[in-house]
Protein backbone atom coordinates (compact mmCIF):
# COMPACT_ATOMS: atom_id res chain seq x y z
CA UNK A 1 74.56 74.28 58.66
CA UNK A 2 74.14 77.90 59.76
CA UNK A 3 70.59 78.01 58.39
CA UNK A 4 69.71 74.90 60.41
CA UNK A 5 71.19 76.45 63.54
CA UNK A 6 69.25 79.70 63.03
CA UNK A 7 66.05 77.73 62.45
CA UNK A 8 66.62 75.66 65.60
CA UNK A 9 67.28 78.78 67.68
CA UNK A 10 64.19 80.49 66.22
CA UNK A 11 62.03 77.48 67.12
CA UNK A 12 63.38 77.22 70.66
CA UNK A 13 63.21 80.87 71.71
CA UNK A 14 60.04 82.07 73.36
CA UNK A 15 60.33 85.85 72.86
CA UNK A 16 58.53 86.77 76.10
CA UNK A 17 60.67 84.39 78.17
CA UNK A 18 63.82 85.44 76.35
CA UNK A 19 63.02 89.11 77.08
CA UNK A 20 62.45 88.34 80.76
CA UNK A 21 65.64 86.28 80.76
CA UNK A 22 67.45 89.27 79.25
CA UNK A 23 66.13 91.63 81.92
CA UNK A 24 67.09 89.13 84.60
CA UNK A 25 70.48 88.82 82.95
CA UNK A 26 70.99 92.57 83.07
CA UNK A 27 70.17 92.58 86.77
CA UNK A 28 72.48 89.62 87.37
CA UNK A 29 75.21 91.20 85.28
CA UNK A 30 74.96 94.31 87.45
CA UNK A 31 75.18 92.23 90.60
CA UNK A 32 78.08 90.24 89.14
CA UNK A 33 80.01 93.31 87.93
CA UNK A 34 79.52 95.22 91.18
CA UNK A 35 80.68 92.26 93.24
CA UNK A 36 83.60 91.68 90.84
CA UNK A 37 84.68 95.32 91.08
CA UNK A 38 84.41 95.25 94.87
CA UNK A 39 86.53 92.13 95.16
CA UNK A 40 89.16 93.42 92.71
CA UNK A 41 89.29 97.06 93.78
CA UNK A 42 88.54 96.88 97.51
CA UNK A 43 89.89 93.47 98.43
CA UNK A 44 92.70 93.37 95.80
CA UNK A 45 91.63 89.90 94.68
CA UNK A 46 92.96 88.32 91.48
CA UNK A 47 90.37 88.75 88.67
CA UNK A 48 89.93 84.99 88.09
CA UNK A 49 89.03 84.39 91.72
CA UNK A 50 86.92 87.53 91.97
CA UNK A 51 85.00 86.20 88.95
CA UNK A 52 84.21 82.94 90.73
CA UNK A 53 82.85 84.66 93.84
CA UNK A 54 80.99 87.40 91.95
CA UNK A 55 79.36 84.94 89.59
CA UNK A 56 78.39 82.72 92.52
CA UNK A 57 76.53 85.62 94.10
CA UNK A 58 74.81 86.36 90.78
CA UNK A 59 73.88 82.67 90.42
CA UNK A 60 71.80 82.74 93.60
CA UNK A 61 70.04 85.88 92.40
CA UNK A 62 69.53 84.34 88.95
CA UNK A 63 67.95 81.16 90.27
CA UNK A 64 65.40 83.03 92.37
CA UNK A 65 64.37 85.47 89.63
CA UNK A 66 64.37 82.93 86.78
CA UNK A 67 62.41 80.35 88.75
CA UNK A 68 59.74 82.74 89.94
CA UNK A 69 59.49 85.28 87.13
CA UNK A 70 61.15 84.29 83.85
CA UNK A 71 60.04 80.67 83.63
CA UNK A 72 57.18 80.99 86.20
CA UNK A 73 58.12 77.75 87.84
CA UNK A 74 56.63 78.66 91.21
CA UNK A 75 56.43 75.07 92.36
CA UNK A 76 58.24 73.82 95.40
CA UNK A 77 62.01 74.15 95.31
CA UNK A 78 63.14 70.67 94.34
CA UNK A 79 66.65 69.39 94.92
CA UNK A 80 66.81 67.99 91.38
CA UNK A 81 65.91 71.38 89.90
CA UNK A 82 68.49 73.17 92.04
CA UNK A 83 71.08 70.56 91.03
CA UNK A 84 70.28 71.03 87.33
CA UNK A 85 70.44 74.80 87.70
CA UNK A 86 73.78 74.58 89.48
CA UNK A 87 75.08 72.20 86.82
CA UNK A 88 74.24 74.68 84.03
CA UNK A 89 75.73 77.50 86.07
CA UNK A 90 78.82 75.42 86.84
CA UNK A 91 79.41 74.81 83.15
CA UNK A 92 78.91 78.51 82.52
CA UNK A 93 81.27 79.41 85.37
CA UNK A 94 83.99 77.08 84.04
CA UNK A 95 83.70 78.60 80.59
CA UNK A 96 83.76 82.07 82.14
CA UNK A 97 86.83 81.27 84.25
CA UNK A 98 88.73 79.83 81.29
CA UNK A 99 87.71 82.77 79.10
CA UNK A 100 88.89 85.33 81.67
CA UNK A 101 92.14 83.40 82.00
CA UNK A 102 92.69 83.44 78.23
CA UNK A 103 91.54 87.00 77.54
CA UNK A 104 93.01 88.74 80.60
CA UNK A 105 95.90 86.62 81.81
CA UNK A 106 97.21 85.37 78.47
CA UNK A 107 96.19 88.05 75.97
CA UNK A 108 96.47 91.02 78.35
CA UNK A 109 92.98 92.40 77.74
CA UNK A 110 91.74 94.66 80.53
CA UNK A 111 89.94 92.63 83.21
CA UNK A 112 86.72 94.57 82.67
CA UNK A 113 86.77 94.50 78.87
CA UNK A 114 87.54 90.79 78.88
CA UNK A 115 84.22 90.19 80.61
CA UNK A 116 82.14 91.50 77.68
CA UNK A 117 82.56 88.53 75.31
CA UNK A 118 82.39 86.24 78.33
CA UNK A 119 78.99 87.72 79.26
CA UNK A 120 77.61 87.17 75.75
CA UNK A 121 78.73 83.57 75.71
CA UNK A 122 77.37 82.76 79.16
CA UNK A 123 74.00 84.39 78.40
CA UNK A 124 73.51 82.01 75.48
CA UNK A 125 74.59 78.97 77.48
CA UNK A 126 72.42 79.91 80.45
CA UNK A 127 69.26 80.68 78.47
CA UNK A 128 69.18 77.39 76.63
CA UNK A 129 70.36 75.43 79.65
CA UNK A 130 67.60 76.89 81.81
CA UNK A 131 64.85 76.72 79.19
CA UNK A 132 65.57 73.24 77.88
CA UNK A 133 67.02 71.51 80.93
CA UNK A 134 66.21 73.19 84.25
CA UNK A 135 62.78 74.83 84.00
CA UNK A 136 61.33 72.83 81.09
């Protein structure tokens, strides 16, 4: 089972695109974390809600960079593509929200440390969602 999964992942990953996606992800993570910190520290917002707003800001940034650079899909902005992108991001956001709730609110992990495993999980979801569904 694990060997089949590794083989499938190996076949589906385009190293150049995955590298660009990783760079874009680092930029988006920076945008997300800075916004999150601002909402928590400056505006005293609850971490779950700060996560929703911060990730929403990063989503806009992600769409623009991934469309134009990572997946070189410089065609016209189509509503169906935007919808698909938002669907993948929505799934990712829900998983992120639930994960923050479990790790921070229920298990007491620091709000910043709880975002590390969440980031890893959402990177995987977003890469395959974008590559195989949105910008195919």
